[in-house]
Amino acid sequence: MKARVAGAAVTAAALLLTGCGQDDDTPVLTWYINPDDGGQAALAQQCTEEADGAYQIQTSLLPNDAPDQREQLARRLAAGDSSLDIMSLDPPFIPELSEPGFLAPVPDDVAERTTADTLEGALAGAMWDDELVTVPFWANTQILWYRESVAEEAGLDMDQPVTWEEIMDVAAEQDKYLGIQGIRAESMTVWVNALMESQDEPVLVDPSADAEDLETNFDSQAGEASAEILSRIGEEGLAGPGIASMDENQAMLLFQGDNGSFMVNWPFIWPATLAAAEEGTVDADLPDDIGWALYPQVAEGTEASAPLGGINLAVGAESDYPDLAYEAIECIVTPENQAEYFVTNGNPPSSESAFDDDRVVDEFPMADTIREALDSSAPRPQTPYYNEISESVQENFTPLSGVDPETTPAQTDSYIMEVLRGERLL
């Protein structure tokens, strides 16, 4: 998951809403939020005002890094912390927090109202064990960004799906670079999972299995094909000399340069590039040369499953005000508020109807592509053991130059099994 973060985020997100005219005995709900451009703090204030004294919301800022967010919340929940009234949760961490009963159940009527028009991919990421355990707030996905001049010279019809092989060939032929995330970090798991899901091969055989019985599918034809893509990019230097340290921001900077060609990345790319063009740090005409399309296919004719990111909202099981917390969540996730959050913070809605908002259409001309990608996106492996799986994938699939299609998939399966069974330390 990638969210836009600005310097003002810390100040805005840490805003304590203790005023607003309520009496001292007004219930205070604490919302633990991930860093953004101040949008969640603004929604907290708005919903506090609309509550008309029923409750007030204060925000508490979580760490920048998603794994650190997970660790802080898991520790607090395990300790029975009653202050976790509302939490902004990254989808991969939901099973781990739901399985031990750390999350308050979503009432049926709340579930019905808040998911009436939720996009399929975003809804899948809010569930565990076939049950809605969190409420979708904003969703995120990667699309294929491309330089129109490069695609035109290559003769690619970007109105039709393209494959990883095609864009790798173009980069090699034109001596251009691909914008990918080659760093040893969560983004590598995001990428590998998307490649597997794009071949209709989930990473896990049975997500609900316990650690002793959990099996992964990397040692398969899909795993080999995924490794071949990573290996070729690494061996041929198709992502430039800084591939081992390339995260989402570095990929964007590479794409914006003279050697840019194609890039898989999140929607924050668009407002960031417009701002750079306005500030003069990139060519003013660069936005005119940028196009967008659905995530690349692994095999021609097989629909790609783009990565799923975003944030879902959950209520802590020990909250003193679960009913009020869900009332506040219903206010936060209205389609109108999701649309507002998209245009102000760059994070797409989970609500399908929010994409029809005039503000969204004006600010994000690629909104329809993002919506289509979200509807066919796939979450990362949903299991209470996600952290072990993700770190194992990062360890085995980096650096890209060391990925061997004939050995890496099988080694990854074995590595994960050893970690889960206590035979290997991460």
Protein backbone atom coordinates (compact mmCIF):
# COMPACT_ATOMS: atom_id res chain seq x y z
CA MET A 1 0.00 0.00 0.00
CA LYS A 2 1.18 3.52 -0.85
CA ALA A 3 -0.39 6.72 0.51
CA ARG A 4 0.65 10.26 -0.17
CA VAL A 5 2.46 11.71 2.82
CA ALA A 6 3.27 15.40 3.23
CA GLY A 7 5.01 17.32 5.95
CA ALA A 8 1.69 18.66 7.14
CA ALA A 9 0.42 15.13 7.81
CA VAL A 10 2.01 14.82 11.23
CA THR A 11 0.49 18.03 12.49
CA ALA A 12 -2.92 17.46 10.94
CA ALA A 13 -3.27 13.78 11.79
CA ALA A 14 -2.25 14.33 15.40
CA LEU A 15 -5.04 16.86 15.88
CA LEU A 16 -6.87 16.31 19.14
CA LEU A 17 -10.53 17.17 18.80
CA THR A 18 -11.39 18.03 22.36
CA GLY A 19 -13.43 21.13 21.73
CA CYS A 20 -16.24 21.46 19.23
CA GLY A 21 -18.65 22.61 21.95
CA GLN A 22 -19.37 19.23 23.56
CA ASP A 23 -19.82 18.72 27.27
CA ASP A 24 -17.03 17.12 29.26
CA ASP A 25 -18.99 13.86 29.52
CA THR A 26 -19.29 13.43 25.75
CA PRO A 27 -17.82 10.02 24.79
CA VAL A 28 -14.43 10.41 23.12
CA LEU A 29 -13.51 7.92 20.39
CA THR A 30 -9.84 7.48 19.55
CA TRP A 31 -9.09 6.76 15.90
CA TYR A 32 -5.63 5.34 15.24
CA ILE A 33 -4.71 6.54 11.76
CA ASN A 34 -1.93 5.90 9.28
CA PRO A 35 -0.02 8.99 8.06
CA ASP A 36 -1.70 10.88 5.23
CA ASP A 37 -2.11 14.48 4.06
CA GLY A 38 -4.44 15.32 6.95
CA GLY A 39 -7.57 13.81 5.41
CA GLN A 40 -8.43 11.44 8.24
CA ALA A 41 -8.08 14.19 10.83
CA ALA A 42 -10.38 16.37 8.71
CA LEU A 43 -12.97 13.58 8.51
CA ALA A 44 -12.72 13.06 12.26
CA GLN A 45 -13.55 16.71 12.81
CA GLN A 46 -16.37 16.65 10.25
CA CYS A 47 -18.01 13.56 11.74
CA THR A 48 -17.60 14.97 15.25
CA GLU A 49 -19.54 18.03 14.19
CA GLU A 50 -22.21 15.95 12.45
CA ALA A 51 -22.60 13.78 15.58
CA ASP A 52 -24.06 16.83 17.36
CA GLY A 53 -22.78 15.84 20.78
CA ALA A 54 -23.26 12.06 20.52
CA TYR A 55 -19.51 11.54 20.42
CA GLN A 56 -16.29 13.24 19.46
CA ILE A 57 -13.36 11.71 17.59
CA GLN A 58 -9.71 12.30 18.37
CA THR A 59 -6.96 10.94 16.12
CA SER A 60 -3.75 9.23 17.17
CA LEU A 61 -0.99 8.89 14.59
CA LEU A 62 0.53 5.48 13.87
CA PRO A 63 4.11 5.01 12.60
CA ASN A 64 4.97 5.64 8.94
CA ASP A 65 5.90 2.04 8.19
CA ALA A 66 3.02 -0.46 7.80
CA PRO A 67 4.77 -3.31 9.69
CA ASP A 68 5.44 -0.91 12.58
CA GLN A 69 1.75 0.05 12.55
CA ARG A 70 0.84 -3.64 12.76
CA GLU A 71 3.21 -4.22 15.67
CA GLN A 72 1.91 -1.28 17.70
CA LEU A 73 -1.74 -2.20 17.19
CA ALA A 74 -1.18 -5.91 17.83
CA ARG A 75 0.55 -5.20 21.12
CA ARG A 76 -2.15 -2.81 22.28
CA LEU A 77 -4.96 -5.16 21.28
CA ALA A 78 -3.30 -8.15 22.96
CA ALA A 79 -2.99 -6.08 26.14
CA GLY A 80 -6.73 -5.30 26.10
CA ASP A 81 -6.27 -1.58 25.43
CA SER A 82 -9.73 0.00 25.51
CA SER A 83 -8.60 3.12 23.64
CA LEU A 84 -8.60 1.39 20.26
CA ASP A 85 -12.09 2.52 19.31
CA ILE A 86 -11.35 2.88 15.57
CA MET A 87 -8.28 1.62 13.72
CA SER A 88 -7.07 2.17 10.19
CA LEU A 89 -5.82 -1.28 9.15
CA ASP A 90 -3.78 -2.41 6.17
CA PRO A 91 -5.63 -5.41 4.59
CA PRO A 92 -2.82 -8.01 5.08
CA PHE A 93 -2.89 -7.57 8.85
CA ILE A 94 -6.63 -8.15 9.26
CA PRO A 95 -6.57 -11.98 9.66
CA GLU A 96 -3.83 -11.82 12.30
CA LEU A 97 -5.86 -9.36 14.39
CA SER A 98 -9.25 -10.95 13.76
CA GLU A 99 -8.37 -14.59 14.43
CA PRO A 100 -7.67 -14.15 18.18
CA GLY A 101 -10.83 -12.06 18.66
CA PHE A 102 -9.11 -8.66 18.87
CA LEU A 103 -11.73 -6.98 16.65
CA ALA A 104 -15.32 -6.19 17.60
CA PRO A 105 -17.84 -7.89 15.26
CA VAL A 106 -19.28 -5.72 12.51
CA PRO A 107 -23.05 -5.46 13.12
CA ASP A 108 -25.10 -6.90 10.26
CA ASP A 109 -26.93 -3.65 9.55
CA VAL A 110 -23.65 -1.70 9.51
CA ALA A 111 -22.12 -4.26 7.16
CA GLU A 112 -25.08 -4.01 4.80
CA ARG A 113 -25.07 -0.22 4.67
CA THR A 114 -21.32 0.29 4.37
CA THR A 115 -20.69 -2.32 1.67
CA ALA A 116 -23.73 -1.73 -0.56
CA ASP A 117 -21.57 -0.56 -3.47
CA THR A 118 -18.07 -1.65 -2.41
CA LEU A 119 -15.83 -2.78 -5.26
CA GLU A 120 -15.18 -6.51 -5.32
CA GLY A 121 -11.43 -6.37 -4.71
CA ALA A 122 -11.79 -3.94 -1.80
CA LEU A 123 -14.50 -6.09 -0.23
CA ALA A 124 -12.31 -9.19 -0.42
CA GLY A 125 -9.58 -7.37 1.46
CA ALA A 126 -11.93 -6.49 4.33
CA MET A 127 -12.86 -10.10 5.11
CA TRP A 128 -11.43 -13.04 6.98
CA ASP A 129 -12.71 -16.61 6.93
CA ASP A 130 -15.65 -15.60 4.68
CA GLU A 131 -16.83 -12.97 7.14
CA LEU A 132 -16.73 -9.17 7.00
CA VAL A 133 -14.56 -8.20 9.97
CA THR A 134 -13.67 -4.63 8.96
CA VAL A 135 -15.37 -1.84 7.03
CA PRO A 136 -13.78 -0.79 3.70
CA PHE A 137 -12.66 2.85 3.77
CA TRP A 138 -10.31 3.57 0.90
CA ALA A 139 -8.86 1.11 -1.53
CA ASN A 140 -5.72 1.25 -3.60
CA THR A 141 -4.30 -0.51 -6.59
CA GLN A 142 -1.49 -0.26 -9.07
CA ILE A 143 -2.02 0.46 -12.74
CA LEU A 144 0.39 0.58 -15.67
CA TRP A 145 1.69 4.07 -16.33
CA TYR A 146 3.46 4.63 -19.64
CA ARG A 147 5.17 7.30 -21.68
CA GLU A 148 3.01 7.73 -24.75
CA SER A 149 6.02 8.57 -26.89
CA VAL A 150 7.66 5.25 -25.99
CA ALA A 151 4.52 3.20 -26.62
CA GLU A 152 3.93 4.97 -29.93
CA GLU A 153 7.47 4.30 -31.15
CA ALA A 154 7.07 0.64 -30.19
CA GLY A 155 3.77 0.38 -32.05
CA LEU A 156 1.90 -0.84 -28.97
CA ASP A 157 -1.88 -0.40 -28.92
CA MET A 158 -2.38 0.67 -25.33
CA ASP A 159 -6.15 0.43 -25.67
CA GLN A 160 -5.60 -3.32 -25.57
CA PRO A 161 -4.09 -5.31 -22.66
CA VAL A 162 -0.31 -5.61 -22.75
CA THR A 163 1.94 -8.23 -21.18
CA TRP A 164 5.05 -8.05 -19.03
CA GLU A 165 6.99 -9.59 -21.90
CA GLU A 166 5.91 -6.81 -24.25
CA ILE A 167 6.93 -3.97 -21.97
CA MET A 168 10.21 -5.68 -21.12
CA ASP A 169 10.94 -6.07 -24.83
CA VAL A 170 10.19 -2.39 -25.48
CA ALA A 171 12.44 -1.26 -22.63
CA ALA A 172 15.28 -3.42 -23.95
CA GLU A 173 14.84 -2.34 -27.58
CA GLN A 174 14.65 1.38 -26.81
CA ASP A 175 17.27 1.34 -24.06
CA LYS A 176 14.72 2.63 -21.54
CA TYR A 177 14.01 1.71 -17.93
CA LEU A 178 11.00 0.08 -16.27
CA GLY A 179 9.63 1.59 -13.08
CA ILE A 180 9.20 -1.30 -10.63
CA GLN A 181 9.82 -1.84 -6.92
CA GLY A 182 12.97 -3.95 -6.56
CA ILE A 183 13.79 -3.09 -2.96
CA ARG A 184 13.69 -5.73 -0.22
CA ALA A 185 10.48 -4.50 1.37
CA GLU A 186 6.74 -5.12 1.50
CA SER A 187 6.46 -3.89 -2.09
CA MET A 188 8.24 -7.05 -3.26
CA THR A 189 5.54 -9.23 -1.72
CA VAL A 190 2.95 -6.98 -3.35
CA TRP A 191 4.56 -7.54 -6.75
CA VAL A 192 5.14 -11.29 -6.47
CA ASN A 193 1.60 -11.87 -5.20
CA ALA A 194 0.14 -9.87 -8.10
CA LEU A 195 2.12 -11.96 -10.60
CA MET A 196 0.84 -15.18 -9.04
CA GLU A 197 -2.77 -13.99 -8.79
CA SER A 198 -2.61 -12.81 -12.41
CA GLN A 199 -2.19 -16.47 -13.33
CA ASP A 200 -5.13 -17.59 -11.18
CA GLU A 201 -2.70 -19.20 -8.74
CA PRO A 202 -3.08 -17.97 -5.15
CA VAL A 203 0.01 -18.00 -2.98
CA LEU A 204 -1.73 -20.12 -0.32
CA VAL A 205 -3.37 -23.50 -0.84
CA ASP A 206 -5.64 -23.05 2.20
CA PRO A 207 -5.46 -19.62 3.89
CA SER A 208 -7.27 -20.89 7.00
CA ALA A 209 -4.76 -23.68 7.69
CA ASP A 210 -2.66 -23.54 10.85
CA ALA A 211 1.10 -23.10 10.74
CA GLU A 212 1.87 -26.82 10.61
CA ASP A 213 -0.45 -27.43 7.65
CA LEU A 214 -0.07 -24.18 5.70
CA GLU A 215 1.14 -24.74 2.13
CA THR A 216 2.30 -22.26 -0.50
CA ASN A 217 2.17 -22.52 -4.29
CA PHE A 218 5.42 -20.95 -5.45
CA ASP A 219 6.83 -24.27 -6.69
CA SER A 220 4.48 -24.27 -9.66
CA GLN A 221 4.28 -23.16 -13.27
CA ALA A 222 2.88 -19.83 -12.06
CA GLY A 223 5.73 -19.41 -9.60
CA GLU A 224 8.29 -20.13 -12.29
CA ALA A 225 6.68 -17.65 -14.70
CA SER A 226 6.65 -15.00 -11.97
CA ALA A 227 10.32 -15.62 -11.20
CA GLU A 228 11.19 -15.40 -14.90
CA ILE A 229 9.83 -11.84 -15.06
CA LEU A 230 11.76 -10.71 -12.00
CA SER A 231 14.90 -12.51 -13.12
CA ARG A 232 14.91 -10.96 -16.59
CA ILE A 233 14.43 -7.44 -15.27
CA GLY A 234 17.28 -7.97 -12.82
CA GLU A 235 19.72 -9.73 -15.15
CA GLU A 236 19.22 -7.32 -18.06
CA GLY A 237 19.20 -4.20 -15.89
CA LEU A 238 15.81 -3.19 -17.26
CA ALA A 239 15.06 -1.07 -14.18
CA GLY A 240 18.35 0.81 -14.13
CA PRO A 241 21.38 0.64 -11.86
CA GLY A 242 19.47 1.51 -8.67
CA ILE A 243 17.09 -1.43 -8.88
CA ALA A 244 17.97 -2.89 -5.47
CA SER A 245 16.90 0.30 -3.69
CA MET A 246 13.97 1.18 -5.91
CA ASP A 247 10.75 1.80 -3.98
CA GLU A 248 7.57 3.50 -5.18
CA ASN A 249 9.01 7.01 -5.05
CA GLN A 250 12.28 6.04 -6.72
CA ALA A 251 10.34 4.26 -9.46
CA MET A 252 8.32 7.44 -10.03
CA LEU A 253 11.46 9.57 -10.33
CA LEU A 254 12.96 7.10 -12.81
CA PHE A 255 9.76 7.13 -14.86
CA GLN A 256 9.71 10.93 -14.91
CA GLY A 257 13.24 11.06 -16.33
CA ASP A 258 14.51 10.85 -19.88
CA ASN A 259 14.83 7.04 -19.70
CA GLY A 260 11.29 6.43 -18.45
CA SER A 261 9.07 3.99 -20.34
CA PHE A 262 6.54 1.93 -18.33
CA MET A 263 5.86 1.78 -14.61
CA VAL A 264 3.60 -0.16 -12.25
CA ASN A 265 2.66 2.10 -9.36
CA TRP A 266 -0.14 3.55 -7.25
CA PRO A 267 -2.37 6.55 -8.19
CA PHE A 268 -0.36 9.01 -6.07
CA ILE A 269 1.86 9.22 -9.16
CA TRP A 270 -0.54 11.55 -10.94
CA PRO A 271 -0.90 14.42 -8.44
CA ALA A 272 2.80 14.11 -7.56
CA THR A 273 3.80 14.48 -11.21
CA LEU A 274 1.43 17.40 -11.77
CA ALA A 275 2.90 19.14 -8.74
CA ALA A 276 6.46 18.50 -9.94
CA ALA A 277 5.61 19.90 -13.38
CA GLU A 278 4.09 23.00 -11.82
CA GLU A 279 7.11 23.48 -9.55
CA GLY A 280 9.50 23.06 -12.45
CA THR A 281 11.34 20.01 -11.09
CA VAL A 282 10.26 18.02 -14.17
CA ASP A 283 9.49 19.10 -17.71
CA ALA A 284 6.26 21.08 -17.82
CA ASP A 285 5.09 18.98 -20.78
CA LEU A 286 5.69 15.65 -19.02
CA PRO A 287 2.04 15.08 -17.93
CA ASP A 288 1.01 15.29 -21.61
CA ASP A 289 3.26 12.32 -22.36
CA ILE A 290 1.83 10.10 -19.62
CA GLY A 291 -0.82 7.48 -20.29
CA TRP A 292 -2.35 4.76 -18.16
CA ALA A 293 -3.70 1.26 -18.62
CA LEU A 294 -4.58 -1.83 -16.63
CA TYR A 295 -1.87 -3.84 -14.88
CA PRO A 296 0.22 -5.96 -17.30
CA GLN A 297 -0.81 -9.54 -17.99
CA VAL A 298 1.60 -12.39 -17.28
CA ALA A 299 0.13 -14.58 -20.02
CA GLU A 300 -1.56 -12.99 -23.01
CA GLY A 301 -5.33 -13.31 -22.73
CA THR A 302 -5.36 -13.99 -18.98
CA GLU A 303 -6.80 -11.05 -17.04
CA ALA A 304 -4.32 -9.46 -14.66
CA SER A 305 -5.07 -9.16 -10.95
CA ALA A 306 -3.54 -5.90 -9.82
CA PRO A 307 -2.28 -5.44 -6.26
CA LEU A 308 -4.79 -4.43 -3.61
CA GLY A 309 -3.90 -1.92 -0.94
CA GLY A 310 -5.82 0.65 1.00
CA ILE A 311 -7.21 0.96 4.50
CA ASN A 312 -10.14 -0.68 6.28
CA LEU A 313 -11.64 0.49 9.55
CA ALA A 314 -11.99 -1.79 12.56
CA VAL A 315 -13.19 -1.47 16.14
CA GLY A 316 -11.19 -2.92 19.02
CA ALA A 317 -12.93 -5.69 20.93
CA GLU A 318 -12.22 -3.95 24.24
CA SER A 319 -13.52 -0.54 23.15
CA ASP A 320 -15.85 1.07 25.68
CA TYR A 321 -18.00 2.45 22.85
CA PRO A 322 -18.30 -0.13 20.04
CA ASP A 323 -21.75 1.03 18.94
CA LEU A 324 -20.69 4.67 18.74
CA ALA A 325 -17.48 3.65 16.98
CA TYR A 326 -19.43 1.92 14.24
CA GLU A 327 -21.76 4.93 14.03
CA ALA A 328 -18.70 7.11 13.49
CA ILE A 329 -17.31 4.70 10.90
CA GLU A 330 -20.55 4.92 8.93
CA CYS A 331 -20.06 8.67 8.79
CA ILE A 332 -16.42 8.38 7.76
CA VAL A 333 -16.98 5.97 4.86
CA THR A 334 -19.89 7.59 3.06
CA PRO A 335 -19.27 7.75 -0.70
CA GLU A 336 -19.15 11.53 -0.51
CA ASN A 337 -16.41 11.42 2.12
CA GLN A 338 -14.48 8.79 0.19
CA ALA A 339 -14.57 11.00 -2.90
CA GLU A 340 -13.39 13.98 -0.86
CA TYR A 341 -10.57 11.91 0.60
CA PHE A 342 -9.50 10.83 -2.89
CA VAL A 343 -9.23 14.34 -4.31
CA THR A 344 -7.54 15.80 -1.22
CA ASN A 345 -5.25 12.89 -0.26
CA GLY A 346 -4.88 10.89 -3.47
CA ASN A 347 -6.23 7.62 -2.05
CA PRO A 348 -8.97 5.96 -4.14
CA PRO A 349 -12.41 5.04 -2.79
CA SER A 350 -13.60 1.54 -2.05
CA SER A 351 -17.09 2.72 -3.05
CA GLU A 352 -17.92 2.33 -6.72
CA SER A 353 -20.33 5.28 -6.76
CA ALA A 354 -17.66 7.60 -5.32
CA PHE A 355 -15.81 7.33 -8.63
CA ASP A 356 -18.72 9.10 -10.33
CA ASP A 357 -18.27 12.20 -8.18
CA ASP A 358 -17.51 15.22 -10.38
CA ARG A 359 -14.53 16.13 -8.21
CA VAL A 360 -12.97 12.71 -8.79
CA VAL A 361 -13.52 12.85 -12.54
CA ASP A 362 -11.95 16.32 -12.72
CA GLU A 363 -8.87 15.52 -10.61
CA PHE A 364 -8.16 11.96 -11.81
CA PRO A 365 -8.79 11.42 -15.54
CA MET A 366 -7.67 7.80 -15.04
CA ALA A 367 -10.39 7.17 -12.43
CA ASP A 368 -12.22 4.62 -14.60
CA THR A 369 -9.01 2.63 -15.06
CA ILE A 370 -8.40 2.67 -11.30
CA ARG A 371 -11.97 1.54 -10.64
CA GLU A 372 -11.68 -1.30 -13.16
CA ALA A 373 -8.35 -2.39 -11.69
CA LEU A 374 -9.78 -2.38 -8.16
CA ASP A 375 -12.70 -4.53 -9.19
CA SER A 376 -10.36 -7.27 -10.42
CA SER A 377 -7.59 -6.74 -7.86
CA ALA A 378 -6.52 -9.43 -5.42
CA PRO A 379 -5.44 -9.07 -1.79
CA ARG A 380 -2.15 -10.37 -0.54
CA PRO A 381 -2.22 -13.78 1.22
CA GLN A 382 -4.90 -13.62 3.89
CA THR A 383 -3.58 -15.57 6.83
CA PRO A 384 -2.67 -14.95 10.48
CA TYR A 385 0.89 -15.82 9.41
CA TYR A 386 1.15 -13.10 6.80
CA ASN A 387 4.18 -11.42 8.37
CA GLU A 388 6.22 -14.63 8.18
CA ILE A 389 5.20 -15.23 4.57
CA SER A 390 5.90 -11.67 3.46
CA GLU A 391 9.35 -11.53 5.01
CA SER A 392 10.19 -14.91 3.48
CA VAL A 393 9.17 -13.72 0.01
CA GLN A 394 11.26 -10.57 0.41
CA GLU A 395 14.26 -12.63 1.47
CA ASN A 396 14.07 -15.07 -1.45
CA PHE A 397 13.01 -12.80 -4.32
CA THR A 398 15.63 -10.09 -3.75
CA PRO A 399 17.92 -9.04 -5.23
CA LEU A 400 16.26 -9.50 -8.60
CA SER A 401 19.59 -10.40 -10.18
CA GLY A 402 19.75 -13.41 -7.86
CA VAL A 403 16.31 -14.80 -8.72
CA ASP A 404 16.54 -18.16 -10.52
CA PRO A 405 13.26 -19.37 -12.07
CA GLU A 406 14.40 -22.99 -11.70
CA THR A 407 15.22 -22.83 -7.99
CA THR A 408 13.83 -19.71 -6.30
CA PRO A 409 10.14 -20.77 -6.24
CA ALA A 410 10.86 -24.15 -4.62
CA GLN A 411 13.34 -22.61 -2.22
CA THR A 412 10.73 -20.05 -1.18
CA ASP A 413 8.18 -22.76 -0.41
CA SER A 414 10.73 -24.64 1.72
CA TYR A 415 11.89 -21.46 3.43
CA ILE A 416 8.34 -20.50 4.45
CA MET A 417 7.59 -23.99 5.78
CA GLU A 418 10.77 -23.97 7.87
CA VAL A 419 9.92 -20.56 9.32
CA LEU A 420 6.34 -21.55 10.19
CA ARG A 421 7.48 -24.78 11.83
CA GLY A 422 10.14 -23.10 13.91
CA GLU A 423 13.03 -24.67 12.02
CA ARG A 424 14.38 -21.34 10.72
CA LEU A 425 14.50 -17.81 12.09
CA LEU A 426 13.63 -14.81 9.94
